[in-house]
Amino acid sequence: MVDDVQVNFRGRSLIVSRVSGRSTRLALSCLAAFVGFVVIAGPPPAQADDTVWICKPGQADDLCAGTIAGKSWKAGQAQPTDALTYTRSENPPIDCFYLYPTQSEQSTPNSDLAKDPPIKRVVVQQARMFSSICKVYAPMYRQVTYSGDQSHDSADVEVAYASAKDAFEDYLQNYNHGRGFIMLGHSQGSAHTARLIDELVDTDANLRKRFVGAIAPGANIYVPKNENVGGMYQNVPACSKVGQFGCLIAYSTYRGQPDENSMFSRLDAGYWIYPESRPDPAKYEAVCTDPARLDGGNGNLLPLVNMDYLTGVPPQETATPWVSLPDYYKVSCERSGTAHWLNIDRVDGTDTRPDLGSLVASGNNYHVPEVNLAEGNLLTIAQNQSDGYVAEQNRILKLQTKLKTLNRNLSKAKRRQVAGQRTVQRLTKKLRKSRFGIQRRTLRRKIAVNRRKVKADSRRVQTIRRQITQVKQQIG
């Protein structure tokens, strides 16, 4: 059952659909596209330009290059007033690779690579604001459509994953150029992101050095109960502290306890399109990382929504379409039975601002709006991860410079040591041949002096070698 709710904003009357009850189509397709308030991832290696990009820096129709300006709608205000402060750097230090959730309404099981309006809408809503942190690369991929089968690891799922993997490999080979990167996704996009991490990142120490983090809500990524690493990944942990990078942000949002057959937050039921069997829910649980704590905040969410893309793709975007809604929702990770979820509630039940998330939630399941409801928090987390990664790269660069200097000093010390040893050998031979007392005494003094120099150079060689070992350990 779908009810229409009318919301007035900027003098416009918007009709937003609210989904009530459970829908088989939503269940099998990882929930429907964001109807009104879209909220917040095998084949041979791809060659440059094989991938169709909906976001790519420098591309003429880069959808993530549009405006990120907007206003904050604070409690007690009738309308948004204060300007948002998000800005773009001309050359951000890292990249982001984004895979969008199930959006395609095409009639085939897998979509083609057409940039259909529903996909444009969700890409703007979920990915564009990350261009304030990174260069955003968002490929079109042959995702499973609403007509396809996501009830298990189907042939449709494998086609979609192969397409996403091909695009990711294209990005790594032709566009990354050794830069750090964050992987972004939601729902189906998160599931493919999770598998890419499993197959390509977690197993590759060199690639992990460039892995700044991942944000992949709504995909039932799992860890051992009460642990941050293990389960799906052996080397990539769930984020557990502010500023941590090289880790994963994942969660599934509900208002109150999920039911026993909930699509998300449980491993014994619900969404599972991975090739491996479901893990034992007695030993493992779905990851829940709290974005409202990991950003250093107080547990409140910071939603961000592009109002121009609220119900579709506008003919032309306004100058300041983004709206934030601070301190309206609060969240915390909760456990009950086999469920592990991000519990959402209102900060103040008397707040007169619109409860936008509830308009598109499916009962108490906030899967559809869970990215944009936390997007401000996720941006802060991504910025902190970027800053930490850049600081670490600078630290490593300084250590590598120091290592080069130590290696040069080591070579010089070894050359002096060898030269001193040869001098001692030459003087010793000359001493054996000498017949005159004065000459012999002089040679003995020279030999003693040079032996002391050789010992000093030997000690210096050992000292430099220890320093080199220490620096290598610091580099890691």
Protein backbone atom coordinates (compact mmCIF):
# COMPACT_ATOMS: atom_id res chain seq x y z
CA MET A 1 0.00 0.00 0.00
CA VAL A 2 1.30 3.47 -0.91
CA ASP A 3 -0.03 6.70 0.61
CA ASP A 4 0.69 10.17 -0.78
CA VAL A 5 1.87 12.84 1.67
CA GLN A 6 1.94 16.50 0.74
CA VAL A 7 4.96 18.58 1.82
CA ASN A 8 5.23 22.32 1.26
CA PHE A 9 8.69 23.71 0.59
CA ARG A 10 9.74 27.05 -0.92
CA GLY A 11 6.16 27.69 -1.91
CA ARG A 12 5.93 24.44 -3.86
CA SER A 13 3.60 21.56 -3.09
CA LEU A 14 5.43 18.27 -3.38
CA ILE A 15 3.75 14.88 -3.35
CA VAL A 16 5.90 12.33 -1.56
CA SER A 17 4.99 8.65 -1.42
CA ARG A 18 5.01 6.86 1.92
CA VAL A 19 5.26 3.10 1.77
CA SER A 20 3.28 1.19 4.37
CA GLY A 21 3.34 -2.55 4.89
CA ARG A 22 5.78 -4.96 3.26
CA SER A 23 6.32 -5.29 -0.47
CA THR A 24 7.64 -8.38 -2.19
CA ARG A 25 9.04 -6.21 -4.94
CA LEU A 26 10.93 -4.14 -2.37
CA ALA A 27 12.21 -7.25 -0.62
CA LEU A 28 13.58 -8.90 -3.72
CA SER A 29 15.00 -5.70 -5.19
CA CYS A 30 16.65 -4.35 -2.04
CA LEU A 31 13.74 -1.92 -1.55
CA ALA A 32 12.36 0.49 -4.06
CA ALA A 33 14.04 3.59 -5.42
CA PHE A 34 13.71 6.66 -3.30
CA VAL A 35 10.37 7.90 -4.59
CA GLY A 36 10.21 11.33 -3.05
CA PHE A 37 13.12 12.03 -0.69
CA VAL A 38 16.04 10.09 -2.18
CA VAL A 39 18.53 9.54 0.56
CA ILE A 40 21.45 8.49 1.38
CA ALA A 41 27.75 0.69 -4.34
CA GLY A 42 35.75 -12.53 -13.91
CA PRO A 43 35.87 -10.43 -17.05
CA PRO A 44 39.10 -9.27 -18.64
CA PRO A 45 40.54 -5.99 -17.31
CA ALA A 46 38.85 -2.91 -18.70
CA GLN A 47 40.65 -0.46 -20.92
CA ALA A 48 40.45 3.31 -20.60
CA ASP A 49 37.11 4.71 -21.78
CA ASP A 50 35.40 1.29 -21.79
CA THR A 51 33.38 2.34 -18.76
CA VAL A 52 30.40 4.70 -18.99
CA TRP A 53 30.82 7.22 -16.18
CA ILE A 54 27.98 9.20 -14.66
CA CYS A 55 30.52 11.02 -12.48
CA LYS A 56 34.13 11.50 -13.57
CA PRO A 57 36.29 14.57 -12.97
CA GLY A 58 36.68 16.67 -16.11
CA GLN A 59 33.88 14.91 -17.98
CA ALA A 60 31.48 17.33 -19.68
CA ASP A 61 28.37 15.78 -18.12
CA ASP A 62 29.90 14.97 -14.72
CA LEU A 63 26.78 14.80 -12.54
CA CYS A 64 28.85 15.21 -9.36
CA ALA A 65 30.24 18.56 -10.54
CA GLY A 66 26.96 20.40 -9.90
CA THR A 67 26.25 22.77 -7.06
CA ILE A 68 26.83 21.73 -3.44
CA ALA A 69 25.45 24.99 -2.04
CA GLY A 70 22.46 25.13 0.25
CA LYS A 71 21.08 26.14 3.63
CA SER A 72 20.64 24.71 7.11
CA TRP A 73 17.13 24.29 8.53
CA LYS A 74 17.56 24.54 12.29
CA ALA A 75 15.03 23.78 15.02
CA GLY A 76 12.57 26.59 15.59
CA GLN A 77 12.98 28.06 12.11
CA ALA A 78 10.12 28.22 9.61
CA GLN A 79 12.51 27.76 6.66
CA PRO A 80 16.22 27.06 6.04
CA THR A 81 18.34 30.18 6.61
CA ASP A 82 22.06 29.75 7.35
CA ALA A 83 24.29 28.96 4.36
CA LEU A 84 26.02 25.59 4.26
CA THR A 85 29.82 25.77 4.29
CA TYR A 86 30.78 22.85 2.03
CA THR A 87 33.38 23.77 -0.60
CA ARG A 88 35.42 21.96 -3.22
CA SER A 89 39.18 21.83 -3.54
CA GLU A 90 40.61 22.19 -7.05
CA ASN A 91 42.74 19.10 -6.41
CA PRO A 92 41.43 16.95 -3.55
CA PRO A 93 44.05 14.51 -2.24
CA ILE A 94 41.96 11.33 -2.60
CA ASP A 95 39.35 9.69 -4.85
CA CYS A 96 35.92 8.19 -4.19
CA PHE A 97 34.49 5.25 -6.14
CA TYR A 98 30.68 5.03 -5.87
CA LEU A 99 28.13 2.33 -6.79
CA TYR A 100 24.46 3.35 -6.64
CA PRO A 101 21.63 1.24 -5.14
CA THR A 102 18.85 -0.54 -7.02
CA GLN A 103 17.19 2.13 -9.16
CA SER A 104 16.69 0.80 -12.66
CA GLU A 105 13.10 0.44 -13.84
CA GLN A 106 14.11 -1.21 -17.11
CA SER A 107 12.15 -4.38 -17.95
CA THR A 108 15.19 -6.64 -18.37
CA PRO A 109 16.80 -8.46 -15.38
CA ASN A 110 19.95 -6.38 -15.77
CA SER A 111 20.05 -2.76 -16.85
CA ASP A 112 21.96 -1.38 -19.77
CA LEU A 113 24.26 1.60 -19.18
CA ALA A 114 21.70 4.32 -19.95
CA LYS A 115 21.74 7.23 -17.49
CA ASP A 116 18.04 6.98 -16.62
CA PRO A 117 16.43 9.67 -14.44
CA PRO A 118 16.07 7.50 -11.29
CA ILE A 119 19.80 6.79 -11.38
CA LYS A 120 20.68 10.43 -11.92
CA ARG A 121 18.49 11.35 -8.98
CA VAL A 122 20.11 8.96 -6.52
CA VAL A 123 23.65 9.73 -7.72
CA VAL A 124 23.09 13.42 -7.03
CA GLN A 125 21.53 12.72 -3.64
CA GLN A 126 24.11 10.21 -2.42
CA ALA A 127 27.39 10.88 -4.22
CA ARG A 128 27.65 14.52 -5.30
CA MET A 129 28.36 16.04 -1.87
CA PHE A 130 31.40 13.77 -1.53
CA SER A 131 33.04 15.90 -4.24
CA SER A 132 33.80 18.27 -1.35
CA ILE A 133 36.18 15.56 -0.08
CA CYS A 134 37.42 13.65 -3.10
CA LYS A 135 37.37 13.21 -6.86
CA VAL A 136 34.20 11.17 -7.39
CA TYR A 137 34.21 8.34 -9.93
CA ALA A 138 30.76 6.78 -10.36
CA PRO A 139 30.37 4.21 -13.15
CA MET A 140 27.19 3.02 -14.74
CA TYR A 141 26.96 -0.73 -14.19
CA ARG A 142 24.58 -3.46 -15.27
CA GLN A 143 22.77 -3.57 -11.96
CA VAL A 144 19.94 -5.96 -11.15
CA THR A 145 16.73 -4.09 -11.99
CA TYR A 146 13.38 -4.31 -10.20
CA SER A 147 12.57 -7.03 -12.74
CA GLY A 148 15.67 -9.04 -11.81
CA ASP A 149 16.39 -11.56 -9.07
CA GLN A 150 18.14 -10.42 -5.89
CA SER A 151 16.70 -13.12 -3.67
CA HIS A 152 20.09 -14.91 -3.72
CA ASP A 153 23.36 -14.97 -5.66
CA SER A 154 21.56 -15.32 -8.96
CA ALA A 155 22.81 -15.12 -12.53
CA ASP A 156 21.42 -11.56 -12.54
CA VAL A 157 23.56 -10.68 -9.52
CA GLU A 158 26.67 -12.13 -11.14
CA VAL A 159 26.14 -10.04 -14.27
CA ALA A 160 25.80 -6.93 -12.13
CA TYR A 161 28.87 -7.72 -10.02
CA ALA A 162 31.02 -8.50 -13.08
CA SER A 163 30.06 -5.12 -14.54
CA ALA A 164 30.85 -3.29 -11.28
CA LYS A 165 34.15 -5.15 -10.93
CA ASP A 166 35.11 -4.29 -14.50
CA ALA A 167 34.48 -0.60 -13.79
CA PHE A 168 36.48 -0.71 -10.55
CA GLU A 169 39.43 -2.34 -12.30
CA ASP A 170 39.17 0.29 -15.05
CA TYR A 171 39.33 2.99 -12.38
CA LEU A 172 42.32 1.40 -10.64
CA GLN A 173 44.27 0.83 -13.85
CA ASN A 174 43.52 4.02 -15.74
CA TYR A 175 42.46 6.77 -13.34
CA ASN A 176 43.70 6.12 -9.81
CA HIS A 177 47.41 6.78 -10.44
CA GLY A 178 48.40 5.55 -6.98
CA ARG A 179 46.05 7.86 -5.04
CA GLY A 180 44.18 6.95 -1.88
CA PHE A 181 40.51 6.08 -2.38
CA ILE A 182 37.25 5.68 -0.48
CA MET A 183 34.65 3.17 -1.72
CA LEU A 184 31.02 4.32 -1.49
CA GLY A 185 27.78 2.45 -2.01
CA HIS A 186 24.29 1.75 -0.78
CA SER A 187 22.09 -1.36 -0.82
CA GLN A 188 22.88 -3.31 -4.04
CA GLY A 189 25.78 -0.93 -4.58
CA SER A 190 27.03 -1.67 -1.06
CA ALA A 191 26.78 -5.42 -1.63
CA HIS A 192 28.94 -5.18 -4.76
CA THR A 193 31.31 -2.83 -2.90
CA ALA A 194 31.57 -5.35 -0.07
CA ARG A 195 32.47 -8.11 -2.51
CA LEU A 196 35.04 -5.94 -4.29
CA ILE A 197 36.71 -5.31 -0.93
CA ASP A 198 36.60 -9.02 -0.16
CA GLU A 199 38.08 -10.16 -3.46
CA LEU A 200 40.42 -7.31 -4.42
CA VAL A 201 41.30 -5.13 -1.42
CA ASP A 202 41.35 -7.37 1.65
CA THR A 203 43.70 -9.83 -0.03
CA ASP A 204 46.11 -7.25 -1.52
CA ALA A 205 48.49 -5.56 0.95
CA ASN A 206 49.65 -3.02 -1.63
CA LEU A 207 46.10 -1.99 -2.53
CA ARG A 208 45.20 -1.74 1.16
CA LYS A 209 47.91 0.89 1.52
CA ARG A 210 45.77 3.15 -0.71
CA PHE A 211 42.44 2.08 0.80
CA VAL A 212 41.28 5.09 2.82
CA GLY A 213 37.95 3.52 3.81
CA ALA A 214 34.53 2.34 2.70
CA ILE A 215 31.00 3.58 3.38
CA ALA A 216 28.58 0.76 2.51
CA PRO A 217 25.26 0.81 4.43
CA GLY A 218 22.45 -1.66 3.84
CA ALA A 219 24.26 -4.82 2.71
CA ASN A 220 24.52 -7.11 5.79
CA ILE A 221 28.33 -7.07 5.89
CA TYR A 222 29.31 -9.21 8.86
CA VAL A 223 31.91 -9.64 11.62
CA PRO A 224 32.26 -12.01 14.61
CA LYS A 225 29.90 -10.94 17.38
CA ASN A 226 31.25 -7.99 19.40
CA GLU A 227 34.36 -7.82 17.17
CA ASN A 228 35.49 -5.31 14.53
CA VAL A 229 37.45 -7.58 12.20
CA GLY A 230 37.13 -11.14 10.95
CA GLY A 231 34.11 -12.67 9.27
CA MET A 232 33.80 -11.22 5.80
CA TYR A 233 37.27 -9.64 5.92
CA GLN A 234 40.50 -10.64 7.59
CA ASN A 235 42.33 -7.33 7.21
CA VAL A 236 39.71 -4.60 6.78
CA PRO A 237 38.05 -3.77 10.13
CA ALA A 238 34.81 -2.00 10.92
CA CYS A 239 35.61 1.55 12.03
CA SER A 240 35.60 1.89 15.82
CA LYS A 241 37.11 5.28 16.63
CA VAL A 242 37.08 8.86 15.38
CA GLY A 243 39.65 9.54 12.66
CA GLN A 244 40.37 5.88 11.92
CA PHE A 245 41.01 5.15 8.25
CA GLY A 246 41.46 1.96 6.23
CA CYS A 247 38.21 0.73 7.78
CA LEU A 248 34.53 0.19 6.96
CA ILE A 249 31.37 2.14 7.80
CA ALA A 250 28.24 -0.03 7.52
CA TYR A 251 24.86 -0.11 9.21
CA SER A 252 21.16 -0.80 8.68
CA THR A 253 18.67 1.71 10.08
CA TYR A 254 15.44 0.90 11.89
CA ARG A 255 13.17 2.78 14.26
CA GLY A 256 12.77 0.17 16.95
CA GLN A 257 13.67 -3.50 16.82
CA PRO A 258 13.64 -5.14 13.35
CA ASP A 259 11.20 -8.02 13.01
CA GLU A 260 12.35 -11.62 12.62
CA ASN A 261 12.10 -11.52 8.81
CA SER A 262 13.65 -8.07 8.35
CA MET A 263 15.62 -7.55 5.15
CA PHE A 264 18.57 -5.93 6.90
CA SER A 265 20.46 -6.12 10.21
CA ARG A 266 20.13 -9.94 10.42
CA LEU A 267 22.21 -12.74 8.92
CA ASP A 268 19.62 -15.50 9.35
CA ALA A 269 17.05 -13.75 7.14
CA GLY A 270 16.85 -11.00 4.56
CA TYR A 271 19.22 -9.63 1.95
CA TRP A 272 22.05 -11.94 0.92
CA ILE A 273 23.49 -11.86 -2.62
CA TYR A 274 27.02 -13.04 -1.81
CA PRO A 275 28.36 -16.27 -3.38
CA GLU A 276 29.31 -17.79 0.00
CA SER A 277 26.78 -19.36 2.33
CA ARG A 278 25.23 -17.32 5.13
CA PRO A 279 27.42 -17.24 8.25
CA ASP A 280 26.24 -18.76 11.53
CA PRO A 281 24.14 -16.06 13.27
CA ALA A 282 25.15 -17.55 16.62
CA LYS A 283 28.78 -16.55 15.92
CA TYR A 284 28.49 -13.57 13.56
CA GLU A 285 26.43 -10.38 13.28
CA ALA A 286 25.80 -7.61 10.77
CA VAL A 287 28.15 -4.65 11.14
CA CYS A 288 26.75 -1.56 12.85
CA THR A 289 29.03 1.47 12.96
CA ASP A 290 27.42 4.62 14.36
CA PRO A 291 28.09 7.53 11.96
CA ALA A 292 26.83 10.05 14.52
CA ARG A 293 29.59 9.00 16.95
CA LEU A 294 32.39 8.21 14.52
CA ASP A 295 32.26 11.79 13.24
CA GLY A 296 33.13 12.99 16.76
CA GLY A 297 29.58 14.21 17.37
CA ASN A 298 26.94 13.74 20.05
CA GLY A 299 24.87 10.98 18.49
CA ASN A 300 22.65 13.24 16.34
CA LEU A 301 22.41 12.88 12.58
CA LEU A 302 23.00 15.63 10.01
CA PRO A 303 20.72 14.92 7.02
CA LEU A 304 21.51 16.50 3.65
CA VAL A 305 18.98 16.55 0.80
CA ASN A 306 18.98 18.10 -2.66
CA MET A 307 15.44 19.52 -2.91
CA ASP A 308 15.66 20.04 -6.69
CA TYR A 309 16.15 16.28 -7.14
CA LEU A 310 13.47 15.42 -4.59
CA THR A 311 10.99 13.84 -6.98
CA GLY A 312 12.94 13.59 -10.22
CA VAL A 313 15.51 15.29 -12.44
CA PRO A 314 14.84 19.04 -12.71
CA PRO A 315 15.05 20.87 -16.06
CA GLN A 316 17.54 23.19 -14.40
CA GLU A 317 19.02 23.15 -10.92
CA THR A 318 18.70 26.14 -8.62
CA ALA A 319 21.74 27.80 -7.05
CA THR A 320 21.26 26.50 -3.49
CA PRO A 321 19.19 23.29 -3.59
CA TRP A 322 20.75 21.50 -0.61
CA VAL A 323 19.08 21.50 2.81
CA SER A 324 20.45 20.14 6.07
CA LEU A 325 18.27 19.25 9.05
CA PRO A 326 20.57 19.24 12.11
CA ASP A 327 19.60 17.77 15.48
CA TYR A 328 16.32 16.28 14.29
CA TYR A 329 17.28 12.58 14.52
CA LYS A 330 19.41 10.71 17.04
CA VAL A 331 20.84 7.22 16.53
CA SER A 332 22.68 4.44 18.34
CA CYS A 333 23.72 0.87 17.51
CA GLU A 334 21.49 -1.68 19.24
CA ARG A 335 21.41 -5.49 19.56
CA SER A 336 18.54 -7.85 20.19
CA GLY A 337 18.54 -11.55 19.35
CA THR A 338 20.26 -11.91 15.98
CA ALA A 339 19.62 -8.29 14.96
CA HIS A 340 22.29 -5.57 15.09
CA TRP A 341 21.00 -2.27 13.79
CA LEU A 342 21.30 1.52 13.89
CA ASN A 343 18.30 2.64 15.90
CA ILE A 344 16.83 5.99 14.84
CA ASP A 345 14.50 8.26 16.77
CA ARG A 346 13.59 11.93 16.94
CA VAL A 347 15.60 14.17 19.23
CA ASP A 348 12.50 16.19 20.18
CA GLY A 349 8.99 14.98 19.51
CA THR A 350 7.70 18.56 19.45
CA ASP A 351 10.04 19.66 16.63
CA THR A 352 7.86 21.25 13.91
CA ARG A 353 10.24 20.61 11.01
CA PRO A 354 9.11 17.87 8.58
CA ASP A 355 9.98 14.29 9.51
CA LEU A 356 11.33 13.63 6.03
CA GLY A 357 12.76 10.19 6.75
CA SER A 358 9.44 8.74 7.87
CA LEU A 359 7.82 9.79 4.58
CA VAL A 360 9.70 7.10 2.68
CA ALA A 361 10.49 4.60 5.41
CA SER A 362 8.82 1.20 5.04
CA GLY A 363 7.21 0.89 8.45
CA ASN A 364 10.08 1.00 10.93
CA ASN A 365 12.63 0.12 8.22
CA TYR A 366 14.66 3.23 7.28
CA HIS A 367 16.77 1.47 4.66
CA VAL A 368 15.77 3.78 1.81
CA PRO A 369 16.67 7.11 3.50
CA GLU A 370 19.55 5.87 5.64
CA VAL A 371 22.40 7.43 3.63
CA ASN A 372 21.11 10.98 3.25
CA LEU A 373 19.82 10.99 6.83
CA ALA A 374 23.46 10.59 7.89
CA GLU A 375 25.21 12.23 4.93
CA GLY A 376 26.57 15.20 6.87
CA ASN A 377 28.07 12.79 9.41
CA LEU A 378 29.49 10.60 6.63
CA LEU A 379 31.11 13.62 4.99
CA THR A 380 32.84 14.50 8.26
CA ILE A 381 34.01 10.91 8.66
CA ALA A 382 35.33 10.86 5.09
CA GLN A 383 37.10 14.20 5.62
CA ASN A 384 38.71 12.90 8.82
CA GLN A 385 39.78 9.75 7.02
CA SER A 386 41.23 11.78 4.17
CA ASP A 387 43.11 14.03 6.60
CA GLY A 388 44.46 11.03 8.50
CA TYR A 389 45.49 9.26 5.32
CA VAL A 390 47.26 12.36 3.96
CA ALA A 391 49.05 12.88 7.27
CA GLU A 392 50.17 9.25 7.21
CA GLN A 393 51.39 9.57 3.63
CA ASN A 394 53.36 12.69 4.60
CA ARG A 395 54.83 10.83 7.57
CA ILE A 396 55.83 7.94 5.32
CA LEU A 397 57.27 10.35 2.73
CA LYS A 398 59.47 11.95 5.40
CA LEU A 399 60.60 8.53 6.59
CA GLN A 400 61.34 7.45 3.02
CA THR A 401 63.43 10.61 2.54
CA LYS A 402 65.25 9.82 5.78
CA LEU A 403 65.75 6.25 4.59
CA LYS A 404 67.35 7.46 1.35
CA THR A 405 69.72 9.67 3.36
CA LEU A 406 70.61 6.78 5.68
CA ASN A 407 71.28 4.50 2.71
CA ARG A 408 73.58 7.12 1.19
CA ASN A 409 75.38 7.54 4.52
CA LEU A 410 75.66 3.76 4.81
CA SER A 411 77.28 3.51 1.39
CA LYS A 412 79.78 6.24 2.30
CA ALA A 413 80.61 4.60 5.64
CA LYS A 414 81.12 1.21 3.99
CA ARG A 415 83.38 2.74 1.35
CA ARG A 416 85.45 4.45 4.05
CA GLN A 417 85.60 1.18 5.99
CA VAL A 418 86.82 -0.76 2.94
CA ALA A 419 89.33 1.98 2.06
CA GLY A 420 90.63 1.95 5.64
CA GLN A 421 91.02 -1.83 5.59
CA ARG A 422 92.98 -1.62 2.37
CA THR A 423 95.22 1.07 3.83
CA VAL A 424 95.92 -1.12 6.86
CA GLN A 425 96.75 -4.05 4.56
CA ARG A 426 99.07 -1.91 2.45
CA LEU A 427 100.88 -0.46 5.48
CA THR A 428 101.19 -3.93 7.05
CA LYS A 429 102.89 -5.28 3.90
CA LYS A 430 105.22 -2.29 3.88
CA LEU A 431 106.05 -2.87 7.55
CA ARG A 432 107.06 -6.47 6.86
CA LYS A 433 109.53 -5.30 4.22
CA SER A 434 110.96 -2.41 6.25
CA ARG A 435 114.45 -2.78 7.77
CA PHE A 436 114.82 0.59 9.47
CA GLY A 437 113.66 1.16 13.05
CA ILE A 438 112.41 4.74 12.56
CA GLN A 439 110.42 3.76 9.49
CA ARG A 440 108.94 0.73 11.26
CA ARG A 441 107.81 2.85 14.24
CA THR A 442 106.18 5.34 11.87
CA LEU A 443 104.38 2.57 9.98
CA ARG A 444 103.12 1.01 13.23
CA ARG A 445 101.65 4.37 14.28
CA LYS A 446 99.93 4.78 10.91
CA ILE A 447 98.55 1.24 11.07
CA ALA A 448 97.17 1.85 14.57
CA VAL A 449 95.54 5.11 13.51
CA ASN A 450 93.92 3.51 10.47
CA ARG A 451 92.74 0.50 12.46
CA ARG A 452 90.98 2.87 14.84
CA LYS A 453 89.36 4.57 11.86
CA VAL A 454 88.25 1.19 10.48
CA LYS A 455 86.70 0.28 13.83
CA ALA A 456 84.93 3.64 14.00
CA ASP A 457 83.60 3.19 10.46
CA SER A 458 82.48 -0.34 11.37
CA ARG A 459 80.57 0.98 14.39
CA ARG A 460 79.04 3.69 12.20
CA VAL A 461 77.95 1.07 9.63
CA GLN A 462 76.23 -0.95 12.37
CA THR A 463 74.56 2.16 13.80
CA ILE A 464 73.22 3.22 10.40
CA ARG A 465 71.97 -0.32 9.72
CA ARG A 466 70.03 -0.27 13.01
CA GLN A 467 68.59 3.12 12.10
CA ILE A 468 67.55 1.80 8.68
CA THR A 469 65.80 -1.16 10.31
CA GLN A 470 63.96 1.16 12.68
CA VAL A 471 62.83 3.47 9.86
CA LYS A 472 61.62 0.51 7.78
CA GLN A 473 59.60 -0.68 10.76
CA GLN A 474 58.10 2.80 11.15
CA ILE A 475 57.16 2.85 7.48
CA GLY A 476 55.49 -0.54 7.93
